[in-house]
N, C-alpha and C. Protein backbone atom coordinates (compact mmCIF):
# COMPACT_ATOMS: atom_id res chain seq x y z
N MET A 1 0.71 -1.33 -0.20
CA MET A 1 0.09 -0.13 0.10
C MET A 1 0.98 1.08 0.13
N GLY A 2 0.32 2.51 -0.94
CA GLY A 2 1.44 3.44 -0.72
C GLY A 2 2.06 3.73 -2.01
N HIS A 3 2.67 3.07 -2.58
CA HIS A 3 3.67 3.33 -3.37
C HIS A 3 2.42 3.37 -5.06
N GLY A 4 2.53 4.78 -5.46
CA GLY A 4 1.56 5.02 -6.42
C GLY A 4 0.10 5.09 -5.84
N GLN A 5 -0.12 5.03 -4.92
CA GLN A 5 -1.31 5.46 -4.70
C GLN A 5 -1.98 7.15 -4.14
N ALA A 6 -2.73 7.45 -4.59
CA ALA A 6 -2.90 8.81 -4.67
C ALA A 6 -3.44 8.81 -3.63
N VAL A 7 -3.33 10.29 -2.82
CA VAL A 7 -3.64 10.76 -1.60
C VAL A 7 -4.91 11.53 -1.59
N THR A 8 -6.00 10.31 -1.30
CA THR A 8 -7.45 10.85 -1.56
C THR A 8 -7.91 10.99 0.05
N MET A 9 -9.63 11.89 0.53
CA MET A 9 -9.96 12.12 1.79
C MET A 9 -9.94 10.79 2.18
N SER A 10 -10.67 10.05 1.53
CA SER A 10 -10.91 8.34 2.67
C SER A 10 -9.18 7.73 2.43
N VAL A 11 -8.34 8.17 1.66
CA VAL A 11 -7.33 7.52 2.52
C VAL A 11 -6.62 8.15 3.71
N LEU A 12 -6.80 9.48 3.23
CA LEU A 12 -6.24 10.32 4.92
C LEU A 12 -6.97 9.87 6.17
N GLU A 13 -8.85 9.54 6.06
CA GLU A 13 -9.61 9.17 6.77
C GLU A 13 -9.27 8.14 7.56
N SER A 14 -8.55 6.88 6.52
CA SER A 14 -8.40 5.46 7.23
C SER A 14 -6.92 5.53 8.03
N ASN A 15 -6.01 6.24 7.45
CA ASN A 15 -4.55 6.61 7.98
C ASN A 15 -4.61 7.37 9.02
N TYR A 16 -5.52 8.34 9.12
CA TYR A 16 -5.36 9.33 10.10
C TYR A 16 -6.48 9.73 10.72
N PRO A 17 -7.38 9.14 11.19
CA PRO A 17 -8.89 9.23 11.31
C PRO A 17 -8.87 11.09 12.89
N SER A 18 -8.17 10.52 13.95
CA SER A 18 -8.40 11.86 14.12
C SER A 18 -8.04 13.24 13.78
N LEU A 19 -6.79 12.99 12.66
CA LEU A 19 -6.31 14.46 12.44
C LEU A 19 -7.65 14.40 10.79
N TYR A 20 -7.90 13.49 10.52
CA TYR A 20 -8.96 13.95 9.52
C TYR A 20 -9.84 14.90 9.84
N GLY A 21 -10.68 14.47 11.11
CA GLY A 21 -11.85 14.81 11.67
C GLY A 21 -11.48 16.66 11.89
N ARG A 22 -10.12 16.95 11.88
CA ARG A 22 -9.48 18.43 12.00
C ARG A 22 -9.46 18.91 11.08
N LEU A 23 -9.25 18.48 9.67
CA LEU A 23 -8.95 19.13 8.62
C LEU A 23 -9.66 20.12 8.38
N PRO A 24 -11.08 20.68 8.45
CA PRO A 24 -11.45 21.81 8.60
C PRO A 24 -11.03 22.85 8.96
N THR A 25 -10.04 22.68 10.34
CA THR A 25 -9.46 24.08 11.00
C THR A 25 -8.14 24.31 11.08
N ILE A 26 -7.40 23.23 9.96
CA ILE A 26 -6.46 23.69 9.52
C ILE A 26 -6.45 24.31 8.41
N PRO A 27 -5.42 25.33 8.28
CA PRO A 27 -5.26 25.63 6.97
C PRO A 27 -4.57 25.67 5.94
N GLU A 28 -5.25 25.37 4.63
CA GLU A 28 -4.28 24.03 3.26
C GLU A 28 -3.03 24.19 3.49
N THR A 29 -2.06 25.49 3.75
CA THR A 29 -0.96 25.36 3.50
C THR A 29 -0.26 25.31 4.82
N VAL A 30 -0.11 24.66 5.47
CA VAL A 30 0.38 24.32 6.86
C VAL A 30 0.66 23.04 7.10
N GLN A 31 0.08 21.71 6.16
CA GLN A 31 0.44 20.45 6.26
C GLN A 31 0.71 20.13 4.71
N VAL A 32 2.01 19.19 4.56
CA VAL A 32 1.54 18.66 3.09
C VAL A 32 1.63 17.17 3.36
N PHE A 33 0.96 16.39 2.24
CA PHE A 33 0.25 15.17 2.37
C PHE A 33 1.18 14.24 1.67
N PHE A 34 2.25 13.35 1.65
CA PHE A 34 2.31 12.64 0.55
C PHE A 34 2.88 10.97 0.98
N TRP A 35 3.47 10.44 -0.09
CA TRP A 35 3.72 8.83 0.27
C TRP A 35 5.14 8.54 -0.05
N THR A 36 5.68 8.40 1.05
CA THR A 36 7.72 7.87 0.85
C THR A 36 8.13 7.20 1.86
N SER A 37 9.04 6.46 1.25
CA SER A 37 9.53 5.37 2.01
C SER A 37 10.16 6.12 3.59
N THR A 38 10.30 5.55 4.43
CA THR A 38 10.80 5.51 5.78
C THR A 38 11.68 4.31 5.99
N ALA A 39 12.29 5.20 6.63
CA ALA A 39 13.42 4.04 7.91
C ALA A 39 14.29 4.71 8.80
N VAL A 40 14.87 3.93 9.73
CA VAL A 40 15.37 4.03 11.17
C VAL A 40 16.46 4.36 10.57
N PHE A 41 17.11 5.25 11.16
CA PHE A 41 18.73 5.12 11.25
C PHE A 41 19.38 5.97 12.74
N THR A 42 20.63 5.28 12.96
CA THR A 42 21.44 5.95 14.44
C THR A 42 22.00 7.54 13.45
N LEU A 43 22.33 8.23 14.32
CA LEU A 43 23.36 9.60 14.12
C LEU A 43 24.18 9.90 15.08
N ILE A 44 25.22 9.51 14.37
CA ILE A 44 26.31 10.63 15.57
C ILE A 44 26.99 11.91 14.90
N PRO A 45 27.49 12.67 16.22
CA PRO A 45 27.91 13.74 15.59
C PRO A 45 29.19 13.72 15.17
N ALA A 46 29.64 14.82 14.27
CA ALA A 46 30.95 14.96 14.08
C ALA A 46 31.08 16.44 13.69
N VAL A 47 31.81 17.14 14.02
CA VAL A 47 32.53 18.18 14.12
C VAL A 47 33.93 18.68 12.93
N ILE A 48 32.98 19.80 12.08
CA ILE A 48 34.11 20.10 10.95
C ILE A 48 34.85 21.16 11.25
N PRO A 49 35.78 21.07 11.31
CA PRO A 49 37.19 22.27 11.72
C PRO A 49 36.50 23.36 10.78
N PRO A 50 36.60 24.69 11.26
CA PRO A 50 36.20 25.84 10.47
C PRO A 50 37.29 25.79 8.90
N ALA A 51 35.93 26.15 8.12
CA ALA A 51 36.73 26.82 6.88
C ALA A 51 35.76 27.44 6.23
N HIS A 52 34.75 27.90 7.08
CA HIS A 52 34.23 29.16 6.43
C HIS A 52 34.35 30.44 7.09
N ALA A 53 33.68 31.08 6.48
CA ALA A 53 34.22 32.94 7.14
C ALA A 53 34.22 33.23 8.47
N ASP A 54 33.45 32.70 9.09
CA ASP A 54 33.12 32.84 10.64
C ASP A 54 33.89 32.29 11.40
N GLY A 55 34.73 31.29 11.04
CA GLY A 55 36.18 31.15 11.57
C GLY A 55 35.30 29.86 12.89
N ARG A 56 34.32 29.64 12.82
CA ARG A 56 33.31 28.45 13.80
C ARG A 56 33.27 26.85 13.45
N ASP A 57 33.87 26.33 14.33
CA ASP A 57 33.41 24.45 13.54
C ASP A 57 32.13 24.96 13.41
N LYS A 58 32.07 23.77 12.81
CA LYS A 58 30.18 23.32 12.62
C LYS A 58 30.07 21.97 12.52
N THR A 59 28.97 21.56 13.53
CA THR A 59 28.60 20.70 13.85
C THR A 59 27.44 19.54 13.23
N VAL A 60 27.61 18.60 12.54
CA VAL A 60 26.94 17.90 11.50
C VAL A 60 26.75 16.76 12.08
N ALA A 61 26.55 16.18 11.86
CA ALA A 61 26.30 14.22 11.76
C ALA A 61 26.33 13.39 10.82
N LYS A 62 26.80 12.21 11.38
CA LYS A 62 26.83 11.27 10.16
C LYS A 62 25.69 10.16 10.40
N ILE A 63 25.00 9.61 9.34
CA ILE A 63 23.94 8.74 9.64
C ILE A 63 24.75 7.03 9.32
N LEU A 64 24.17 6.41 10.10
CA LEU A 64 24.58 4.78 10.41
C LEU A 64 23.68 3.83 10.01
N ASP A 65 23.96 2.54 9.53
CA ASP A 65 23.27 1.92 9.01
C ASP A 65 23.42 0.81 11.04
N PRO A 66 22.61 -0.16 10.81
CA PRO A 66 22.34 -0.83 11.81
C PRO A 66 24.15 -1.87 12.42
N ASP A 67 24.62 -2.02 11.42
CA ASP A 67 25.80 -2.41 11.48
C ASP A 67 27.15 -1.48 11.40
N GLY A 68 26.85 0.29 11.92
CA GLY A 68 27.64 1.14 12.30
C GLY A 68 28.52 1.47 11.17
N LYS A 69 28.22 1.43 9.96
CA LYS A 69 28.80 1.99 8.91
C LYS A 69 28.09 2.92 8.12
N ILE A 70 29.20 3.92 8.15
CA ILE A 70 28.45 5.54 7.41
C ILE A 70 27.89 5.36 6.32
N ILE A 71 26.46 5.45 5.80
CA ILE A 71 26.05 5.71 4.41
C ILE A 71 25.51 6.85 4.52
N GLY A 72 25.53 8.17 5.09
CA GLY A 72 25.47 9.28 5.00
C GLY A 72 25.45 10.75 5.90
N SER A 73 24.97 11.53 5.41
CA SER A 73 25.54 12.93 6.30
C SER A 73 24.07 13.45 6.72
N MET A 74 24.46 14.46 7.82
CA MET A 74 23.38 15.54 7.43
C MET A 74 23.63 16.87 7.53
N GLY A 75 22.55 17.83 7.33
CA GLY A 75 23.09 19.36 6.75
C GLY A 75 23.42 19.77 8.27
N PRO A 76 24.11 21.23 8.59
CA PRO A 76 24.51 21.30 9.87
C PRO A 76 23.51 21.51 11.10
N ILE A 77 23.98 21.25 11.82
CA ILE A 77 22.83 21.03 13.37
C ILE A 77 22.45 22.59 13.72
N VAL A 78 21.24 22.94 13.46
CA VAL A 78 20.91 24.55 13.74
C VAL A 78 19.68 24.65 14.68
N GLN A 79 19.24 23.45 15.35
CA GLN A 79 18.99 23.43 16.47
C GLN A 79 19.38 22.85 17.91
N ASP A 80 18.81 22.89 19.01
CA ASP A 80 19.57 22.32 19.95
C ASP A 80 20.14 21.20 19.97
N ALA A 81 21.56 20.63 20.19
CA ALA A 81 21.96 19.23 20.09
C ALA A 81 21.18 18.40 20.54
N ALA A 82 20.68 18.54 21.38
CA ALA A 82 20.03 17.03 22.15
C ALA A 82 18.94 17.36 21.61
N SER A 83 18.08 17.70 20.79
CA SER A 83 17.14 17.58 19.83
C SER A 83 17.36 17.02 18.31
N THR A 84 18.36 16.92 18.00
CA THR A 84 18.83 16.72 16.94
C THR A 84 20.62 15.40 16.78
N GLY A 85 21.15 15.39 17.47
CA GLY A 85 22.32 14.73 17.54
C GLY A 85 22.19 13.52 17.79
N THR A 86 22.98 12.59 18.61
CA THR A 86 22.88 11.27 18.60
C THR A 86 22.01 10.76 18.42
N GLY A 87 21.58 8.95 18.43
CA GLY A 87 20.16 8.25 18.93
C GLY A 87 19.95 7.94 17.72
N THR A 88 19.17 7.32 17.64
CA THR A 88 17.99 6.71 16.45
C THR A 88 17.08 7.37 16.22
N TRP A 89 16.95 7.75 14.42
CA TRP A 89 15.95 8.62 14.25
C TRP A 89 15.26 8.21 13.06
N GLU A 90 13.61 8.50 12.63
CA GLU A 90 13.25 8.19 11.71
C GLU A 90 13.42 9.21 10.55
N PHE A 91 14.05 8.74 9.08
CA PHE A 91 14.25 9.95 7.81
C PHE A 91 12.97 9.55 6.59
N ILE A 92 13.00 10.36 5.95
CA ILE A 92 12.01 10.15 4.81
C ILE A 92 12.57 10.72 3.98
N VAL A 93 12.39 10.06 2.61
CA VAL A 93 12.71 10.25 1.14
C VAL A 93 11.93 11.64 0.52
N VAL A 94 12.45 12.42 0.34
CA VAL A 94 12.13 13.24 -0.46
C VAL A 94 12.61 13.99 -1.98
N GLY A 95 14.16 13.24 -2.20
CA GLY A 95 14.20 13.79 -3.46
C GLY A 95 15.51 12.60 -3.38
N SER A 96 15.95 12.91 -5.11
CA SER A 96 17.39 12.26 -5.13
C SER A 96 17.95 13.02 -6.08
N ARG A 97 19.18 12.70 -5.75
CA ARG A 97 20.51 13.21 -6.82
C ARG A 97 21.04 12.22 -7.77
N ARG A 98 21.33 12.59 -8.77
CA ARG A 98 21.55 11.60 -9.86
C ARG A 98 23.05 12.09 -10.62
N ASN A 99 24.16 11.60 -10.74
CA ASN A 99 24.64 12.50 -12.15
C ASN A 99 26.05 11.24 -12.74
N PRO A 100 26.34 11.34 -13.82
CA PRO A 100 27.20 10.67 -14.10
C PRO A 100 28.60 10.41 -13.51
N PHE A 101 28.75 11.33 -12.21
CA PHE A 101 30.25 11.06 -11.78
C PHE A 101 30.30 10.48 -10.09
N SER A 102 29.19 10.33 -9.96
CA SER A 102 29.15 9.82 -8.77
C SER A 102 27.83 8.38 -8.44
N ASP A 103 27.76 8.01 -7.38
CA ASP A 103 26.43 6.90 -7.01
C ASP A 103 25.56 7.46 -6.85
N PRO A 104 24.43 7.27 -6.88
CA PRO A 104 23.22 7.95 -6.37
C PRO A 104 22.46 7.83 -5.11
N VAL A 105 22.21 9.56 -4.50
CA VAL A 105 22.16 9.82 -3.59
C VAL A 105 20.54 9.96 -3.53
N LEU A 106 20.24 9.54 -1.95
CA LEU A 106 18.93 10.23 -1.71
C LEU A 106 18.68 10.98 -0.84
N LEU A 107 17.82 12.14 -0.42
CA LEU A 107 17.67 13.19 -0.16
C LEU A 107 16.58 13.32 0.84
N VAL A 108 17.26 12.93 2.27
CA VAL A 108 16.01 12.68 3.12
C VAL A 108 15.85 13.93 4.08
N LEU A 109 14.79 13.59 5.31
CA LEU A 109 14.77 14.50 5.98
C LEU A 109 14.70 13.87 7.58
N GLN A 110 15.33 14.50 8.24
CA GLN A 110 15.31 13.44 9.68
C GLN A 110 13.88 14.28 10.50
N ILE A 111 12.90 13.12 10.56
CA ILE A 111 11.83 13.66 11.49
C ILE A 111 11.73 13.33 12.98
N GLU A 112 10.53 13.98 13.16
CA GLU A 112 10.13 13.28 14.65
C GLU A 112 8.36 13.62 14.55
N TRP A 113 7.73 12.56 15.14
CA TRP A 113 6.17 12.95 15.29
C TRP A 113 5.51 13.29 16.01
N ARG A 114 4.80 14.27 16.09
CA ARG A 114 4.40 14.89 17.45
C ARG A 114 2.95 14.70 17.41
N GLU A 115 1.95 13.69 17.58
CA GLU A 115 0.54 13.09 17.38
C GLU A 115 0.81 12.89 15.88
N GLU A 116 0.15 12.74 15.38
CA GLU A 116 -0.40 12.35 13.56
C GLU A 116 0.79 12.87 12.79
N VAL A 117 1.63 14.36 12.95
CA VAL A 117 2.18 14.77 12.14
C VAL A 117 3.68 14.80 12.05
N ALA A 118 4.24 15.14 11.10
CA ALA A 118 5.81 14.87 11.31
C ALA A 118 6.39 16.09 11.14
N TYR A 119 7.29 16.40 11.79
CA TYR A 119 8.34 17.16 11.69
C TYR A 119 9.81 17.18 11.53
N ARG A 120 10.29 18.01 10.61
CA ARG A 120 11.57 18.33 10.10
C ARG A 120 12.07 18.82 10.73
N ILE A 121 13.04 17.76 11.47
CA ILE A 121 14.43 18.08 12.62
C ILE A 121 15.30 18.87 11.51
N ASN A 122 15.86 18.13 10.29
CA ASN A 122 17.00 18.15 9.97
C ASN A 122 17.26 17.76 8.32
N CYS A 123 18.19 18.20 7.35
CA CYS A 123 18.11 17.44 5.97
C CYS A 123 19.25 16.89 6.20
N GLY A 124 19.10 15.67 5.17
CA GLY A 124 20.62 15.14 4.83
C GLY A 124 20.43 14.46 3.49
N GLU A 125 21.65 13.14 3.46
CA GLU A 125 21.83 12.57 2.18
C GLU A 125 21.94 11.35 2.38
N ILE A 126 21.43 10.24 2.31
CA ILE A 126 21.74 8.58 2.62
C ILE A 126 22.33 8.40 0.53
N GLY A 127 22.91 7.34 0.82
CA GLY A 127 23.53 6.45 -0.49
C GLY A 127 22.01 5.38 -0.66
N GLU A 128 21.37 5.78 -2.39
CA GLU A 128 20.58 4.98 -2.33
C GLU A 128 20.62 3.35 -2.24
N GLU A 129 21.81 2.93 -2.28
CA GLU A 129 22.42 1.25 -2.16
C GLU A 129 21.99 1.33 -0.86
N ALA A 130 22.35 1.88 -0.15
CA ALA A 130 22.28 1.70 1.67
C ALA A 130 21.00 2.09 2.20
N TRP A 131 20.11 2.91 1.26
CA TRP A 131 18.45 2.91 1.79
C TRP A 131 17.91 1.54 1.00
N GLU A 132 18.33 1.36 0.10
CA GLU A 132 17.97 -0.07 -0.63
C GLU A 132 17.94 -1.32 0.57
N ASN A 133 19.16 -1.26 0.85
CA ASN A 133 19.38 -2.41 1.63
C ASN A 133 18.97 -2.38 3.61
N ALA A 134 17.95 -1.29 3.73
CA ALA A 134 17.38 -1.29 4.63
C ALA A 134 16.48 -1.60 5.30
N LEU A 135 15.75 -1.38 6.15
CA LEU A 135 14.35 -2.13 6.15
C LEU A 135 13.52 -0.79 6.28
N TYR A 136 13.14 -0.39 5.05
CA TYR A 136 12.25 0.86 4.80
C TYR A 136 11.20 0.57 4.46
N LYS A 137 10.00 0.81 4.82
CA LYS A 137 8.39 0.71 4.22
C LYS A 137 7.62 2.10 3.84
N TRP A 138 6.68 2.27 3.18
CA TRP A 138 6.09 2.92 2.52
C TRP A 138 5.06 3.52 3.52
N LYS A 139 5.28 4.79 3.55
CA LYS A 139 3.96 5.46 4.68
C LYS A 139 3.41 6.53 4.09
N LEU A 140 2.44 6.88 4.84
CA LEU A 140 1.63 8.26 4.13
C LEU A 140 2.07 9.18 5.13
N ILE A 141 2.74 10.48 4.95
CA ILE A 141 3.59 11.02 5.53
C ILE A 141 2.44 12.91 5.61
N VAL A 142 2.00 13.11 6.93
CA VAL A 142 1.35 14.33 6.86
C VAL A 142 2.72 15.16 7.70
N LEU A 143 3.41 16.11 6.97
CA LEU A 143 4.25 17.33 7.14
C LEU A 143 3.87 18.37 7.51
N LYS A 144 4.86 18.72 8.76
CA LYS A 144 4.46 20.68 8.61
C LYS A 144 6.21 21.27 8.76
């Protein structure tokens, strides 16, 4: 279920019944509804030495598969490190990057759930082959 399935009102009602009941009170531009694949990975922080104009270190995170192999990286951590740093997180695919000079990469969002709504924490990249080897599943996402 999900792959190639349209997001209709009946699909929303069956997947998110309590949210469906509140839809008339939520502005249309606040949430995005879409099907995508989702998987869980571990993050470990990594500090990149200053190479930019402000001279400060930049904290990013590396994405690890269940075997501890680095399979991707996150953008700079812009929020409190406790909310975006180490630990296990859910990721969703939102795009891909393909070119003749490198292996395909999936563009992902690190998310956290608040009730039935996913909130973006950070963005990153994961190798497509690593994602295909992960235990991913298709899911209807309500993103705010």
